[in-house]
């Protein structure tokens, strides 16, 4: 824990008053209403610092003028990175014949650069740009509160085993631990359907087999529609789905049109390859996958229980924020001329 200047001064003063680490710790807990007091070594180091420098304030070390070798390496690196921004540290070190440690130090401390990751985006076809623009203009032309009368839906797989991100998941240790996580060759999974609006979440519904036009339509008729009929002012809602094969089937499109009329956003209106517009994709699935593995489920039934628990925890305030974000994304699509908006 880092201690601010006020706490450091207090610790040194109390040490000279009591000459006892235990007494200083007791006074610290009383003064700052903190259960955990600094250890004796921290107090000792602060006292030594005060006796040596006359202060307990952290002083920034003054940087010496860089050596000619470092200055030359900096100029070379700056030129290299401007031409090849995705150059690896190892290749940069080899190109100008310096160590990888020095390359990292110059990039970070002298050039103030940070290593950013590539993002995976859906590839847009040439005709997608206009369709995304058309949808954004159409939606924004509707009455101002339409964003709060929109239902968006989608399906996603949830695996029983906790997904591991090799880039972010780390084990902090003094030496290489011989630990790993066993991942089944064929992990158990469930296919989950949800619909989300600014008022509620319809779901989760589980498909036991792959989704096709028949079981998808049956789900809409027997699971979704009865729930929607119990929603206040259910006639005011728009309904969105993407153009996945089961969704685009004529019988599904006709049934939804019969229920929502011109408030059904059909396969001709919704732009393809646009998960950045669907609240299930840009919010719901990622949120749930962060939550449902605590505690770790051991069976599919436990995974379903975790899912339903976390869905119930999502507040109306959160849902409202999601659909304000939907409206914002429509504006971003217009400013991007139908292009990608993930980084805007």
Protein backbone atom coordinates (compact mmCIF):
# COMPACT_ATOMS: atom_id res chain seq x y z
CA UNK A 1 0.00 0.00 0.00
CA UNK A 2 1.24 3.50 -0.82
CA UNK A 3 0.94 6.14 1.88
CA UNK A 4 0.40 9.82 1.15
CA UNK A 5 2.53 12.57 2.65
CA UNK A 6 0.18 13.18 5.56
CA UNK A 7 0.36 9.53 6.66
CA UNK A 8 4.16 9.38 6.27
CA UNK A 9 4.64 12.47 8.43
CA UNK A 10 2.28 11.01 11.04
CA UNK A 11 4.24 7.73 11.16
CA UNK A 12 7.61 9.45 11.68
CA UNK A 13 6.29 11.82 14.34
CA UNK A 14 4.68 8.99 16.31
CA UNK A 15 7.84 6.90 16.11
CA UNK A 16 9.89 9.65 17.73
CA UNK A 17 7.14 10.09 20.32
CA UNK A 18 6.75 6.41 21.30
CA UNK A 19 9.92 4.72 20.03
CA UNK A 20 7.78 1.63 19.44
CA UNK A 21 6.54 0.20 16.16
CA UNK A 22 3.53 -1.44 17.81
CA UNK A 23 2.49 1.87 19.42
CA UNK A 24 2.88 3.71 16.10
CA UNK A 25 0.71 1.10 14.36
CA UNK A 26 -1.96 1.36 17.05
CA UNK A 27 -2.05 5.17 16.78
CA UNK A 28 -2.18 4.93 12.97
CA UNK A 29 -5.26 2.68 13.08
CA UNK A 30 -7.00 5.03 15.49
CA UNK A 31 -6.17 8.18 13.53
CA UNK A 32 -7.03 6.99 10.02
CA UNK A 33 -9.73 4.40 10.86
CA UNK A 34 -7.80 1.75 8.90
CA UNK A 35 -7.63 -1.86 10.13
CA UNK A 36 -4.30 -2.63 8.47
CA UNK A 37 -1.37 -0.50 9.64
CA UNK A 38 2.02 -0.29 7.86
CA UNK A 39 4.59 -2.89 8.85
CA UNK A 40 7.58 -2.13 11.03
CA UNK A 41 9.95 -2.21 8.02
CA UNK A 42 7.98 0.54 6.27
CA UNK A 43 8.11 2.71 9.40
CA UNK A 44 11.83 2.02 9.79
CA UNK A 45 12.48 3.00 6.16
CA UNK A 46 10.56 6.26 6.56
CA UNK A 47 12.55 7.16 9.68
CA UNK A 48 15.83 6.40 7.89
CA UNK A 49 14.72 8.50 4.93
CA UNK A 50 13.87 11.40 7.23
CA UNK A 51 17.19 11.18 9.08
CA UNK A 52 19.11 11.03 5.81
CA UNK A 53 17.29 13.70 3.77
CA UNK A 54 15.29 15.69 6.33
CA UNK A 55 12.09 14.82 4.44
CA UNK A 56 9.63 11.97 3.87
CA UNK A 57 8.49 13.31 0.51
CA UNK A 58 9.40 11.17 -2.46
CA UNK A 59 11.79 13.08 -4.66
CA UNK A 60 11.91 12.41 -8.34
CA UNK A 61 15.36 11.49 -9.42
CA UNK A 62 16.82 13.97 -11.84
CA UNK A 63 17.52 12.40 -15.18
CA UNK A 64 21.02 12.77 -16.41
CA UNK A 65 21.69 13.84 -19.95
CA UNK A 66 21.43 10.77 -22.22
CA UNK A 67 24.67 9.40 -23.58
CA UNK A 68 25.52 9.93 -27.27
CA UNK A 69 24.91 6.19 -27.87
CA UNK A 70 21.43 6.35 -26.37
CA UNK A 71 20.61 9.56 -28.25
CA UNK A 72 21.69 7.97 -31.52
CA UNK A 73 19.66 4.81 -30.76
CA UNK A 74 16.64 6.98 -29.93
CA UNK A 75 16.82 8.76 -33.29
CA UNK A 76 17.20 5.46 -35.13
CA UNK A 77 14.28 3.91 -33.26
CA UNK A 78 12.07 6.92 -33.88
CA UNK A 79 12.70 6.63 -37.62
CA UNK A 80 12.15 2.86 -37.58
CA UNK A 81 8.87 3.04 -35.67
CA UNK A 82 7.51 5.83 -37.87
CA UNK A 83 8.03 3.58 -40.91
CA UNK A 84 7.18 0.23 -39.28
CA UNK A 85 4.85 0.84 -36.29
CA UNK A 86 4.25 -2.93 -35.84
CA UNK A 87 7.97 -3.72 -35.51
CA UNK A 88 8.77 -6.12 -32.65
CA UNK A 89 11.26 -5.16 -29.94
CA UNK A 90 13.51 -8.08 -30.89
CA UNK A 91 13.65 -7.05 -34.56
CA UNK A 92 14.22 -3.41 -33.65
CA UNK A 93 17.12 -4.39 -31.38
CA UNK A 94 18.63 -6.48 -34.14
CA UNK A 95 18.20 -3.70 -36.73
CA UNK A 96 20.17 -1.09 -34.78
CA UNK A 97 22.40 -3.50 -32.83
CA UNK A 98 21.38 -2.71 -29.24
CA UNK A 99 19.82 -4.80 -26.48
CA UNK A 100 16.10 -5.47 -26.28
CA UNK A 101 16.12 -3.93 -22.76
CA UNK A 102 17.50 -0.66 -24.13
CA UNK A 103 14.97 -0.69 -26.97
CA UNK A 104 12.09 -1.04 -24.50
CA UNK A 105 13.52 1.68 -22.25
CA UNK A 106 13.85 4.16 -25.13
CA UNK A 107 10.40 3.39 -26.54
CA UNK A 108 8.76 3.71 -23.14
CA UNK A 109 10.79 6.43 -21.36
CA UNK A 110 12.18 8.58 -24.18
CA UNK A 111 9.61 8.30 -26.97
CA UNK A 112 6.64 7.75 -24.59
CA UNK A 113 5.13 5.03 -26.77
CA UNK A 114 2.80 2.26 -25.63
CA UNK A 115 2.29 -1.19 -27.17
CA UNK A 116 -1.32 -1.42 -28.37
CA UNK A 117 -2.96 -4.64 -29.54
CA UNK A 118 -4.67 -5.26 -32.84
CA UNK A 119 -8.46 -5.54 -32.69
CA UNK A 120 -10.48 -8.20 -34.45
CA UNK A 121 -13.29 -6.72 -36.53
CA UNK A 122 -15.90 -8.29 -38.75
CA UNK A 123 -14.92 -7.82 -42.36
CA UNK A 124 -17.36 -5.45 -44.04
CA UNK A 125 -18.30 -6.04 -47.65
CA UNK A 126 -18.38 -3.03 -49.96
CA UNK A 127 -22.20 -2.85 -49.86
CA UNK A 128 -22.33 -3.06 -46.05
CA UNK A 129 -21.24 0.54 -45.58
CA UNK A 130 -24.34 1.97 -47.23
CA UNK A 131 -26.64 -0.43 -45.42
CA UNK A 132 -25.15 0.55 -42.07
CA UNK A 133 -25.57 4.22 -42.97
CA UNK A 134 -29.15 3.67 -44.11
CA UNK A 135 -30.05 1.91 -40.86
CA UNK A 136 -28.42 4.57 -38.66
CA UNK A 137 -30.23 7.39 -40.50
CA UNK A 138 -33.53 5.50 -40.34
CA UNK A 139 -33.28 4.74 -36.65
CA UNK A 140 -32.24 8.28 -35.70
CA UNK A 141 -35.17 9.68 -37.69
CA UNK A 142 -37.65 7.84 -35.43
CA UNK A 143 -39.20 9.54 -32.37
CA UNK A 144 -36.65 10.46 -29.71
CA UNK A 145 -37.61 7.72 -27.23
CA UNK A 146 -37.54 4.86 -29.75
CA UNK A 147 -34.26 3.69 -28.26
CA UNK A 148 -36.19 2.77 -25.12
CA UNK A 149 -38.78 0.81 -27.16
CA UNK A 150 -36.36 -1.49 -28.95
CA UNK A 151 -35.85 -5.22 -28.37
CA UNK A 152 -32.61 -6.75 -29.67
CA UNK A 153 -31.83 -10.47 -29.59
CA UNK A 154 -29.07 -12.95 -30.37
CA UNK A 155 -27.61 -16.35 -29.46
CA UNK A 156 -24.22 -17.19 -27.92
CA UNK A 157 -22.38 -20.28 -26.72
CA UNK A 158 -21.30 -20.56 -23.09
CA UNK A 159 -18.70 -23.24 -22.29
CA UNK A 160 -18.54 -25.12 -19.03
CA UNK A 161 -14.77 -24.57 -18.68
CA UNK A 162 -13.59 -21.08 -17.78
CA UNK A 163 -12.05 -19.49 -20.90
CA UNK A 164 -8.35 -18.71 -20.49
CA UNK A 165 -6.83 -15.57 -21.99
CA UNK A 166 -3.14 -16.39 -22.37
CA UNK A 167 -2.32 -12.73 -22.88
CA UNK A 168 -3.91 -11.49 -19.66
CA UNK A 169 -4.01 -14.46 -17.27
CA UNK A 170 -0.76 -14.63 -15.30
CA UNK A 171 0.74 -16.42 -12.29
CA UNK A 172 2.94 -14.15 -10.18
CA UNK A 173 5.82 -16.19 -8.77
CA UNK A 174 9.59 -16.02 -8.18
CA UNK A 175 10.25 -18.90 -10.55
CA UNK A 176 8.44 -20.61 -13.41
CA UNK A 177 5.57 -22.59 -11.84
CA UNK A 178 4.73 -25.95 -13.36
CA UNK A 179 1.03 -25.30 -13.41
CA UNK A 180 -1.55 -25.49 -16.13
CA UNK A 181 -5.24 -25.80 -16.71
CA UNK A 182 -6.75 -28.90 -18.26
CA UNK A 183 -9.05 -28.01 -21.13
CA UNK A 184 -11.35 -30.75 -22.45
CA UNK A 185 -10.93 -31.68 -26.08
CA UNK A 186 -14.70 -31.42 -26.51
CA UNK A 187 -15.91 -29.06 -23.81
CA UNK A 188 -19.54 -29.09 -22.76
CA UNK A 189 -21.44 -26.00 -23.83
CA UNK A 190 -24.90 -24.51 -24.04
CA UNK A 191 -26.44 -22.30 -26.71
CA UNK A 192 -28.21 -19.38 -25.07
CA UNK A 193 -30.77 -17.02 -26.60
CA UNK A 194 -31.61 -13.69 -24.98
CA UNK A 195 -33.48 -10.59 -25.97
CA UNK A 196 -32.71 -7.28 -24.33
CA UNK A 197 -34.59 -4.00 -24.07
CA UNK A 198 -34.27 -0.89 -21.93
CA UNK A 199 -36.86 -2.38 -19.55
CA UNK A 200 -36.00 -6.05 -19.21
CA UNK A 201 -34.15 -9.11 -20.47
CA UNK A 202 -36.17 -11.89 -22.07
CA UNK A 203 -34.30 -15.06 -21.28
CA UNK A 204 -32.29 -17.05 -20.98
CA UNK A 205 -33.63 -19.70 -23.35
CA UNK A 206 -31.47 -22.76 -24.05
CA UNK A 207 -31.37 -24.59 -27.35
CA UNK A 208 -30.61 -28.26 -26.83
CA UNK A 209 -29.58 -28.69 -30.47
CA UNK A 210 -28.29 -26.41 -33.21
CA UNK A 211 -30.66 -23.57 -34.07
CA UNK A 212 -32.78 -23.96 -37.18
CA UNK A 213 -35.80 -22.11 -38.50
CA UNK A 214 -38.22 -24.55 -36.84
CA UNK A 215 -36.94 -24.57 -33.26
CA UNK A 216 -36.18 -20.85 -33.49
CA UNK A 217 -39.75 -20.04 -34.53
CA UNK A 218 -41.10 -22.36 -31.83
CA UNK A 219 -39.00 -20.51 -29.24
CA UNK A 220 -40.38 -17.15 -30.41
CA UNK A 221 -43.94 -18.45 -30.23
CA UNK A 222 -43.82 -20.34 -26.93
CA UNK A 223 -41.08 -18.57 -24.95
CA UNK A 224 -40.59 -15.00 -26.14
CA UNK A 225 -44.08 -13.93 -27.20
CA UNK A 226 -45.93 -14.88 -23.98
CA UNK A 227 -43.32 -12.92 -22.00
CA UNK A 228 -43.64 -9.96 -24.33
CA UNK A 229 -47.45 -9.90 -24.02
CA UNK A 230 -46.97 -9.36 -20.28
CA UNK A 231 -44.84 -6.26 -20.95
CA UNK A 232 -46.59 -2.92 -20.43
CA UNK A 233 -47.47 -1.21 -23.73
CA UNK A 234 -46.09 -4.17 -25.64
CA UNK A 235 -47.46 -2.78 -28.93
CA UNK A 236 -44.96 0.12 -28.91
CA UNK A 237 -41.84 -2.07 -29.21
CA UNK A 238 -39.59 -2.59 -32.22
CA UNK A 239 -37.99 -6.02 -32.61
CA UNK A 240 -34.50 -6.64 -34.04
CA UNK A 241 -32.60 -9.78 -34.97
CA UNK A 242 -29.64 -10.32 -37.27
CA UNK A 243 -29.65 -12.15 -40.60
CA UNK A 244 -28.47 -15.55 -39.39
CA UNK A 245 -29.97 -18.34 -41.49
CA UNK A 246 -32.65 -19.40 -38.96
CA UNK A 247 -33.65 -15.76 -38.43
CA UNK A 248 -33.86 -14.98 -42.15
CA UNK A 249 -36.17 -17.92 -42.98
CA UNK A 250 -39.42 -16.80 -44.62
CA UNK A 251 -41.66 -18.41 -42.01
CA UNK A 252 -39.80 -16.60 -39.19
CA UNK A 253 -39.87 -13.27 -41.02
CA UNK A 254 -43.59 -13.61 -41.79
CA UNK A 255 -44.51 -14.51 -38.22
CA UNK A 256 -42.56 -11.58 -36.75
CA UNK A 257 -44.09 -9.22 -39.30
CA UNK A 258 -47.55 -10.45 -38.30
CA UNK A 259 -46.79 -9.61 -34.67
CA UNK A 260 -44.79 -6.38 -34.96
CA UNK A 261 -45.97 -5.07 -38.36
CA UNK A 262 -43.71 -2.19 -39.47
CA UNK A 263 -41.96 -2.29 -36.10
CA UNK A 264 -40.15 -5.48 -37.07
CA UNK A 265 -36.60 -4.69 -38.23
CA UNK A 266 -36.44 -7.37 -40.89
CA UNK A 267 -33.50 -8.84 -42.82
CA UNK A 268 -33.76 -6.08 -45.40
CA UNK A 269 -33.39 -3.29 -42.85
CA UNK A 270 -30.84 -4.66 -40.35
CA UNK A 271 -27.28 -4.29 -41.71
CA UNK A 272 -25.31 -7.57 -41.90
CA UNK A 273 -21.96 -8.07 -40.12
CA UNK A 274 -22.84 -5.43 -37.51
CA UNK A 275 -22.35 -6.90 -34.01
CA UNK A 276 -21.10 -3.46 -32.98
CA UNK A 277 -24.74 -2.35 -33.21
CA UNK A 278 -26.37 -5.22 -31.33
CA UNK A 279 -26.53 -4.68 -27.52
CA UNK A 280 -26.30 -8.46 -27.01
CA UNK A 281 -22.89 -8.40 -28.70
CA UNK A 282 -21.42 -5.14 -27.47
CA UNK A 283 -22.71 -5.52 -23.91
CA UNK A 284 -24.65 -8.58 -22.76
CA UNK A 285 -22.50 -11.55 -23.78
CA UNK A 286 -19.23 -10.02 -22.64
CA UNK A 287 -20.75 -8.91 -19.34
CA UNK A 288 -22.22 -12.34 -18.60
CA UNK A 289 -19.05 -14.22 -19.53
CA UNK A 290 -17.15 -12.15 -16.97
CA UNK A 291 -19.65 -13.05 -14.24
CA UNK A 292 -20.93 -16.60 -14.71
CA UNK A 293 -17.70 -18.38 -13.74
CA UNK A 294 -17.83 -17.17 -10.15
CA UNK A 295 -18.30 -19.59 -8.56
CA UNK A 296 -16.92 -22.01 -11.14
CA UNK A 297 -19.72 -24.25 -12.41
CA UNK A 298 -19.07 -28.00 -12.41
CA UNK A 299 -22.11 -28.99 -14.42
CA UNK A 300 -24.21 -27.48 -17.20
CA UNK A 301 -27.08 -27.05 -14.71
CA UNK A 302 -24.82 -24.98 -12.45
CA UNK A 303 -23.74 -22.89 -15.45
CA UNK A 304 -27.41 -22.22 -16.24
CA UNK A 305 -28.04 -21.27 -12.61
CA UNK A 306 -25.14 -18.80 -12.70
CA UNK A 307 -26.43 -17.32 -15.96
CA UNK A 308 -29.93 -16.79 -14.64
CA UNK A 309 -28.59 -15.29 -11.41
CA UNK A 310 -26.44 -12.75 -13.23
CA UNK A 311 -29.19 -11.82 -15.68
CA UNK A 312 -31.49 -10.99 -12.76
CA UNK A 313 -28.80 -8.71 -11.30
CA UNK A 314 -28.72 -6.43 -14.34
CA UNK A 315 -30.54 -3.26 -13.34
CA UNK A 316 -32.89 -1.10 -15.38
CA UNK A 317 -30.40 1.76 -15.03
CA UNK A 318 -27.78 -0.41 -16.74
CA UNK A 319 -30.20 -1.36 -19.52
CA UNK A 320 -31.05 2.30 -20.08
CA UNK A 321 -27.36 3.10 -20.41
CA UNK A 322 -26.95 0.29 -22.95
CA UNK A 323 -29.64 1.75 -25.21
CA UNK A 324 -28.26 5.26 -24.88
CA UNK A 325 -25.04 3.68 -26.13
CA UNK A 326 -26.98 2.12 -29.02
CA UNK A 327 -28.14 5.58 -30.09
CA UNK A 328 -24.60 6.92 -29.76
CA UNK A 329 -23.31 4.10 -31.99
CA UNK A 330 -25.77 5.05 -34.71
CA UNK A 331 -24.31 8.56 -34.69
CA UNK A 332 -20.79 7.11 -34.81
CA UNK A 333 -21.67 4.97 -37.84
CA UNK A 334 -22.75 8.13 -39.67
CA UNK A 335 -19.53 9.93 -38.73
CA UNK A 336 -17.54 6.85 -39.87
CA UNK A 337 -19.48 6.78 -43.17
CA UNK A 338 -20.70 3.27 -42.39
CA UNK A 339 -17.30 1.94 -41.32
CA UNK A 340 -16.02 0.37 -38.11
CA UNK A 341 -16.76 2.28 -34.90
CA UNK A 342 -15.21 0.09 -32.19
CA UNK A 343 -12.32 2.50 -31.51
CA UNK A 344 -14.28 5.77 -31.74
